[in-house]
Amino acid sequence: MTTDGTNAADSGTDPSERPFSLVIGVTPSPAERLRLTELLDGVAPLLMVADLDELRELITDASGPAGAPVPPVPPAKPAPDGALVIDAARSTARWGSRETALTRLERDLLTCLTAEPVRVWSYAELHHAVWHDAPTHGRADVQSLVKRLRRKLDELGTGVTIAAVRGVGLRLTDHRHPRVRGG
């Protein structure tokens, strides 16, 4: 049914051309996302994201609609030799001339580890830094994220990796003070 009570098939309009409501929920808490999903079930299509960066990634299409101008991407400054550069604004990691895209979680974890590269971070500290107020049961989520991030760092050829310190937590193995640029 359309808003005036007529059937779309009878009105001759394509259902995909009619406006519709979309509810967007933004919260870093998985428990809060679940609660909102249950509360808003059936109200309208629902999009749940952890933060505004994730929302921007979902709604920004690099190709854009036909004829729309594509926003300029700032040129990447070359990284100094032997420096890992994390561009928080673009969610990328760069080593020399090589670059890889990072997910929001990977970016947040790597940014945390590079803030104090010599420091050993506990799993609870890392979990809180990446997932914010989400429950901290277990290490599996941090370990899974570390595994993906190690693979990306290895593909870049950085020589930087995330080392486990038995009984304590994780740290970077490279102490050249990787730089973080951007947000």
C-alpha atoms as a PDB file:
ATOM      1  CA  MET A   1       0.000   0.000   0.000  1.00  0.00           C
ATOM      2  CA  THR A   2       1.178   3.508  -0.703  1.00  0.00           C
ATOM      3  CA  THR A   3       0.744   6.397   1.758  1.00  0.00           C
ATOM      4  CA  ASP A   4      -2.531   7.443   0.119  1.00  0.00           C
ATOM      5  CA  GLY A   5      -4.023   3.946   0.595  1.00  0.00           C
ATOM      6  CA  THR A   6      -3.648   2.757  -2.995  1.00  0.00           C
ATOM      7  CA  ASN A   7      -1.729  -0.297  -4.081  1.00  0.00           C
ATOM      8  CA  ALA A   8       1.633   0.410  -5.773  1.00  0.00           C
ATOM      9  CA  ALA A   9       0.848  -2.101  -8.507  1.00  0.00           C
ATOM     10  CA  ASP A  10      -2.353  -0.196  -9.287  1.00  0.00           C
ATOM     11  CA  SER A  11      -0.679   3.225  -9.221  1.00  0.00           C
ATOM     12  CA  GLY A  12       1.924   2.291 -11.822  1.00  0.00           C
ATOM     13  CA  THR A  13       4.922   3.287  -9.691  1.00  0.00           C
ATOM     14  CA  ASP A  14       7.859   1.033  -9.060  1.00  0.00           C
ATOM     15  CA  PRO A  15       8.059   0.174  -5.324  1.00  0.00           C
ATOM     16  CA  SER A  16      11.820   0.845  -5.393  1.00  0.00           C
ATOM     17  CA  GLU A  17      11.165   4.449  -6.486  1.00  0.00           C
ATOM     18  CA  ARG A  18       8.923   5.301  -3.516  1.00  0.00           C
ATOM     19  CA  PRO A  19      10.456   6.876  -0.399  1.00  0.00           C
ATOM     20  CA  PHE A  20      10.716   4.749   2.735  1.00  0.00           C
ATOM     21  CA  SER A  21      11.855   5.194   6.308  1.00  0.00           C
ATOM     22  CA  LEU A  22      15.158   3.819   7.559  1.00  0.00           C
ATOM     23  CA  VAL A  23      16.170   3.808  11.200  1.00  0.00           C
ATOM     24  CA  ILE A  24      19.915   4.051  11.851  1.00  0.00           C
ATOM     25  CA  GLY A  25      21.214   3.131  15.295  1.00  0.00           C
ATOM     26  CA  VAL A  26      24.742   4.136  16.300  1.00  0.00           C
ATOM     27  CA  THR A  27      26.203   2.626  19.474  1.00  0.00           C
ATOM     28  CA  PRO A  28      29.497   0.839  20.246  1.00  0.00           C
ATOM     29  CA  SER A  29      27.768  -1.526  22.673  1.00  0.00           C
ATOM     30  CA  PRO A  30      26.684  -4.881  21.185  1.00  0.00           C
ATOM     31  CA  ALA A  31      24.205  -5.253  24.049  1.00  0.00           C
ATOM     32  CA  GLU A  32      22.679  -1.865  23.256  1.00  0.00           C
ATOM     33  CA  ARG A  33      22.488  -2.721  19.523  1.00  0.00           C
ATOM     34  CA  LEU A  34      20.634  -5.930  20.387  1.00  0.00           C
ATOM     35  CA  ARG A  35      18.260  -4.057  22.721  1.00  0.00           C
ATOM     36  CA  LEU A  36      17.503  -1.431  20.053  1.00  0.00           C
ATOM     37  CA  THR A  37      16.975  -4.120  17.438  1.00  0.00           C
ATOM     38  CA  GLU A  38      14.418  -5.840  19.667  1.00  0.00           C
ATOM     39  CA  LEU A  39      12.658  -2.550  20.501  1.00  0.00           C
ATOM     40  CA  LEU A  40      12.446  -1.417  16.876  1.00  0.00           C
ATOM     41  CA  ASP A  41      11.616  -4.805  15.347  1.00  0.00           C
ATOM     42  CA  GLY A  42       9.045  -4.323  12.604  1.00  0.00           C
ATOM     43  CA  VAL A  43       8.953  -0.511  12.846  1.00  0.00           C
ATOM     44  CA  ALA A  44      11.099   0.131   9.772  1.00  0.00           C
ATOM     45  CA  PRO A  45      14.235  -1.219   8.108  1.00  0.00           C
ATOM     46  CA  LEU A  46      17.012  -0.954  10.673  1.00  0.00           C
ATOM     47  CA  LEU A  47      20.737  -0.344  10.227  1.00  0.00           C
ATOM     48  CA  MET A  48      22.888  -0.804  13.334  1.00  0.00           C
ATOM     49  CA  VAL A  49      26.505   0.403  13.413  1.00  0.00           C
ATOM     50  CA  ALA A  50      29.152   0.722  16.107  1.00  0.00           C
ATOM     51  CA  ASP A  51      30.232   4.274  15.286  1.00  0.00           C
ATOM     52  CA  LEU A  52      30.011   7.054  12.730  1.00  0.00           C
ATOM     53  CA  ASP A  53      33.108   5.790  10.882  1.00  0.00           C
ATOM     54  CA  GLU A  54      31.351   2.497  10.210  1.00  0.00           C
ATOM     55  CA  LEU A  55      28.228   4.337   9.064  1.00  0.00           C
ATOM     56  CA  ARG A  56      30.278   6.512   6.691  1.00  0.00           C
ATOM     57  CA  GLU A  57      31.893   3.402   5.207  1.00  0.00           C
ATOM     58  CA  LEU A  58      28.474   1.861   4.591  1.00  0.00           C
ATOM     59  CA  ILE A  59      26.764   4.872   3.078  1.00  0.00           C
ATOM     60  CA  THR A  60      29.677   6.289   1.113  1.00  0.00           C
ATOM     61  CA  ASP A  61      30.017   4.679  -2.273  1.00  0.00           C
ATOM     62  CA  ALA A  62      33.407   5.340  -3.872  1.00  0.00           C
ATOM     63  CA  SER A  63      31.852   5.379  -7.324  1.00  0.00           C
ATOM     64  CA  GLY A  64      28.930   7.543  -6.158  1.00  0.00           C
ATOM     65  CA  PRO A  65      25.684   7.956  -8.036  1.00  0.00           C
ATOM     66  CA  ALA A  66      25.926   8.613 -11.741  1.00  0.00           C
ATOM     67  CA  GLY A  67      27.112  12.149 -12.344  1.00  0.00           C
ATOM     68  CA  ALA A  68      27.871  12.870  -8.691  1.00  0.00           C
ATOM     69  CA  PRO A  69      31.287  14.338  -7.984  1.00  0.00           C
ATOM     70  CA  VAL A  70      33.655  11.986  -6.215  1.00  0.00           C
ATOM     71  CA  PRO A  71      35.251  13.624  -3.181  1.00  0.00           C
ATOM     72  CA  PRO A  72      38.998  14.026  -3.601  1.00  0.00           C
ATOM     73  CA  VAL A  73      41.204  11.616  -1.676  1.00  0.00           C
ATOM     74  CA  PRO A  74      44.165  13.396  -0.148  1.00  0.00           C
ATOM     75  CA  PRO A  75      47.434  12.118  -1.558  1.00  0.00           C
ATOM     76  CA  ALA A  76      49.245   9.802   0.799  1.00  0.00           C
ATOM     77  CA  LYS A  77      52.525  11.195   2.012  1.00  0.00           C
ATOM     78  CA  PRO A  78      55.339   8.717   1.618  1.00  0.00           C
ATOM     79  CA  ALA A  79      56.205   7.000   4.883  1.00  0.00           C
ATOM     80  CA  PRO A  80      59.741   7.414   6.109  1.00  0.00           C
ATOM     81  CA  ASP A  81      61.831   4.331   5.509  1.00  0.00           C
ATOM     82  CA  GLY A  82      61.159   1.742   8.154  1.00  0.00           C
ATOM     83  CA  ALA A  83      58.120   3.527   9.633  1.00  0.00           C
ATOM     84  CA  LEU A  84      54.657   2.080   9.952  1.00  0.00           C
ATOM     85  CA  VAL A  85      52.115   4.848   9.400  1.00  0.00           C
ATOM     86  CA  ILE A  86      48.525   4.381  10.502  1.00  0.00           C
ATOM     87  CA  ASP A  87      46.163   6.830   8.834  1.00  0.00           C
ATOM     88  CA  ALA A  88      43.195   6.835  11.203  1.00  0.00           C
ATOM     89  CA  ALA A  89      41.104   9.098   8.961  1.00  0.00           C
ATOM     90  CA  ARG A  90      41.412   6.753   5.967  1.00  0.00           C
ATOM     91  CA  SER A  91      41.635   3.510   8.016  1.00  0.00           C
ATOM     92  CA  THR A  92      44.845   2.405   6.329  1.00  0.00           C
ATOM     93  CA  ALA A  93      48.281   1.213   7.362  1.00  0.00           C
ATOM     94  CA  ARG A  94      51.281   2.063   5.189  1.00  0.00           C
ATOM     95  CA  TRP A  95      54.830   0.770   5.117  1.00  0.00           C
ATOM     96  CA  GLY A  96      57.005   2.475   2.512  1.00  0.00           C
ATOM     97  CA  SER A  97      54.996   2.554  -0.710  1.00  0.00           C
ATOM     98  CA  ARG A  98      52.712  -0.338   0.299  1.00  0.00           C
ATOM     99  CA  GLU A  99      49.327   0.271   1.884  1.00  0.00           C
ATOM    100  CA  THR A 100      46.499  -1.889   3.209  1.00  0.00           C
ATOM    101  CA  ALA A 101      42.958  -1.069   4.283  1.00  0.00           C
ATOM    102  CA  LEU A 102      42.021  -1.665   7.897  1.00  0.00           C
ATOM    103  CA  THR A 103      38.627  -2.347   9.409  1.00  0.00           C
ATOM    104  CA  ARG A 104      37.518  -0.062  12.219  1.00  0.00           C
ATOM    105  CA  LEU A 105      38.382  -2.730  14.790  1.00  0.00           C
ATOM    106  CA  GLU A 106      41.826  -3.369  13.267  1.00  0.00           C
ATOM    107  CA  ARG A 107      42.521   0.360  13.129  1.00  0.00           C
ATOM    108  CA  ASP A 108      41.481   0.882  16.755  1.00  0.00           C
ATOM    109  CA  LEU A 109      43.577  -2.058  17.974  1.00  0.00           C
ATOM    110  CA  LEU A 110      46.661  -0.999  16.011  1.00  0.00           C
ATOM    111  CA  THR A 111      46.261   2.629  17.113  1.00  0.00           C
ATOM    112  CA  CYS A 112      46.080   1.474  20.732  1.00  0.00           C
ATOM    113  CA  LEU A 113      49.185  -0.711  20.404  1.00  0.00           C
ATOM    114  CA  THR A 114      51.154   2.035  18.658  1.00  0.00           C
ATOM    115  CA  ALA A 115      50.243   4.661  21.253  1.00  0.00           C
ATOM    116  CA  GLU A 116      52.833   3.083  23.569  1.00  0.00           C
ATOM    117  CA  PRO A 117      54.680   0.507  21.449  1.00  0.00           C
ATOM    118  CA  VAL A 118      56.940  -0.799  24.214  1.00  0.00           C
ATOM    119  CA  ARG A 119      54.075  -1.305  26.646  1.00  0.00           C
ATOM    120  CA  VAL A 120      52.442  -4.704  27.176  1.00  0.00           C
ATOM    121  CA  TRP A 121      48.667  -4.303  26.920  1.00  0.00           C
ATOM    122  CA  SER A 122      46.350  -6.679  28.765  1.00  0.00           C
ATOM    123  CA  TYR A 123      43.567  -8.362  26.820  1.00  0.00           C
ATOM    124  CA  ALA A 124      41.008  -6.468  28.932  1.00  0.00           C
ATOM    125  CA  GLU A 125      42.644  -3.104  28.104  1.00  0.00           C
ATOM    126  CA  LEU A 126      42.699  -3.924  24.400  1.00  0.00           C
ATOM    127  CA  HIS A 127      39.115  -5.178  24.468  1.00  0.00           C
ATOM    128  CA  HIS A 128      37.968  -1.974  26.147  1.00  0.00           C
ATOM    129  CA  ALA A 129      39.952   0.211  23.708  1.00  0.00           C
ATOM    130  CA  VAL A 130      38.422  -1.507  20.671  1.00  0.00           C
ATOM    131  CA  TRP A 131      34.925  -2.565  21.753  1.00  0.00           C
ATOM    132  CA  HIS A 132      34.454   0.187  24.371  1.00  0.00           C
ATOM    133  CA  ASP A 133      31.778  -0.845  26.888  1.00  0.00           C
ATOM    134  CA  ALA A 134      31.078  -4.296  25.458  1.00  0.00           C
ATOM    135  CA  PRO A 135      31.272  -7.204  27.903  1.00  0.00           C
ATOM    136  CA  THR A 136      34.794  -8.541  28.283  1.00  0.00           C
ATOM    137  CA  HIS A 137      34.362 -12.272  28.539  1.00  0.00           C
ATOM    138  CA  GLY A 138      37.188 -14.221  27.011  1.00  0.00           C
ATOM    139  CA  ARG A 139      40.079 -13.380  24.769  1.00  0.00           C
ATOM    140  CA  ALA A 140      38.763 -14.957  21.574  1.00  0.00           C
ATOM    141  CA  ASP A 141      37.592 -11.690  20.006  1.00  0.00           C
ATOM    142  CA  VAL A 142      40.946  -9.962  20.641  1.00  0.00           C
ATOM    143  CA  GLN A 143      42.903 -13.019  19.462  1.00  0.00           C
ATOM    144  CA  SER A 144      40.866 -13.256  16.263  1.00  0.00           C
ATOM    145  CA  LEU A 145      41.426  -9.574  15.532  1.00  0.00           C
ATOM    146  CA  VAL A 146      45.156  -9.892  16.277  1.00  0.00           C
ATOM    147  CA  LYS A 147      45.417 -12.845  13.881  1.00  0.00           C
ATOM    148  CA  ARG A 148      43.901 -10.807  11.015  1.00  0.00           C
ATOM    149  CA  LEU A 149      46.043  -7.790  11.855  1.00  0.00           C
ATOM    150  CA  ARG A 150      49.257  -9.848  11.980  1.00  0.00           C
ATOM    151  CA  ARG A 151      48.454 -11.188   8.510  1.00  0.00           C
ATOM    152  CA  LYS A 152      47.971  -7.661   7.128  1.00  0.00           C
ATOM    153  CA  LEU A 153      51.184  -6.392   8.724  1.00  0.00           C
ATOM    154  CA  ASP A 154      53.053  -9.384   7.285  1.00  0.00           C
ATOM    155  CA  GLU A 155      51.609  -8.742   3.810  1.00  0.00           C
ATOM    156  CA  LEU A 156      52.894  -5.155   4.039  1.00  0.00           C
ATOM    157  CA  GLY A 157      56.367  -6.522   4.771  1.00  0.00           C
ATOM    158  CA  THR A 158      56.712  -4.355   7.875  1.00  0.00           C
ATOM    159  CA  GLY A 159      58.689  -6.583  10.189  1.00  0.00           C
ATOM    160  CA  VAL A 160      56.304  -5.217  12.841  1.00  0.00           C
ATOM    161  CA  THR A 161      54.078  -7.762  14.509  1.00  0.00           C
ATOM    162  CA  ILE A 162      52.004  -8.224  17.618  1.00  0.00           C
ATOM    163  CA  ALA A 163      53.692 -10.491  20.141  1.00  0.00           C
ATOM    164  CA  ALA A 164      51.991 -12.322  22.982  1.00  0.00           C
ATOM    165  CA  VAL A 165      53.615 -11.898  26.394  1.00  0.00           C
ATOM    166  CA  ARG A 166      52.684 -15.022  28.294  1.00  0.00           C
ATOM    167  CA  GLY A 167      50.368 -14.343  31.213  1.00  0.00           C
ATOM    168  CA  VAL A 168      50.291 -10.598  30.596  1.00  0.00           C
ATOM    169  CA  GLY A 169      48.945  -9.572  27.179  1.00  0.00           C
ATOM    170  CA  LEU A 170      50.165  -8.233  23.848  1.00  0.00           C
ATOM    171  CA  ARG A 171      52.701  -5.704  22.548  1.00  0.00           C
ATOM    172  CA  LEU A 172      54.305  -4.607  19.301  1.00  0.00           C
ATOM    173  CA  THR A 173      57.649  -6.217  18.511  1.00  0.00           C
ATOM    174  CA  ASP A 174      58.943  -3.170  16.651  1.00  0.00           C
ATOM    175  CA  HIS A 175      60.067  -0.302  18.868  1.00  0.00           C
ATOM    176  CA  ARG A 176      60.584   2.355  16.180  1.00  0.00           C
ATOM    177  CA  HIS A 177      57.552   4.285  17.418  1.00  0.00           C
ATOM    178  CA  PRO A 178      55.031   3.901  14.576  1.00  0.00           C
ATOM    179  CA  ARG A 179      53.210   7.148  13.853  1.00  0.00           C
ATOM    180  CA  VAL A 180      49.472   7.674  13.859  1.00  0.00           C
ATOM    181  CA  ARG A 181      48.096  10.368  11.588  1.00  0.00           C
ATOM    182  CA  GLY A 182      44.547  11.566  11.244  1.00  0.00           C
ATOM    183  CA  GLY A 183      41.574  11.369  13.634  1.00  0.00           C
END
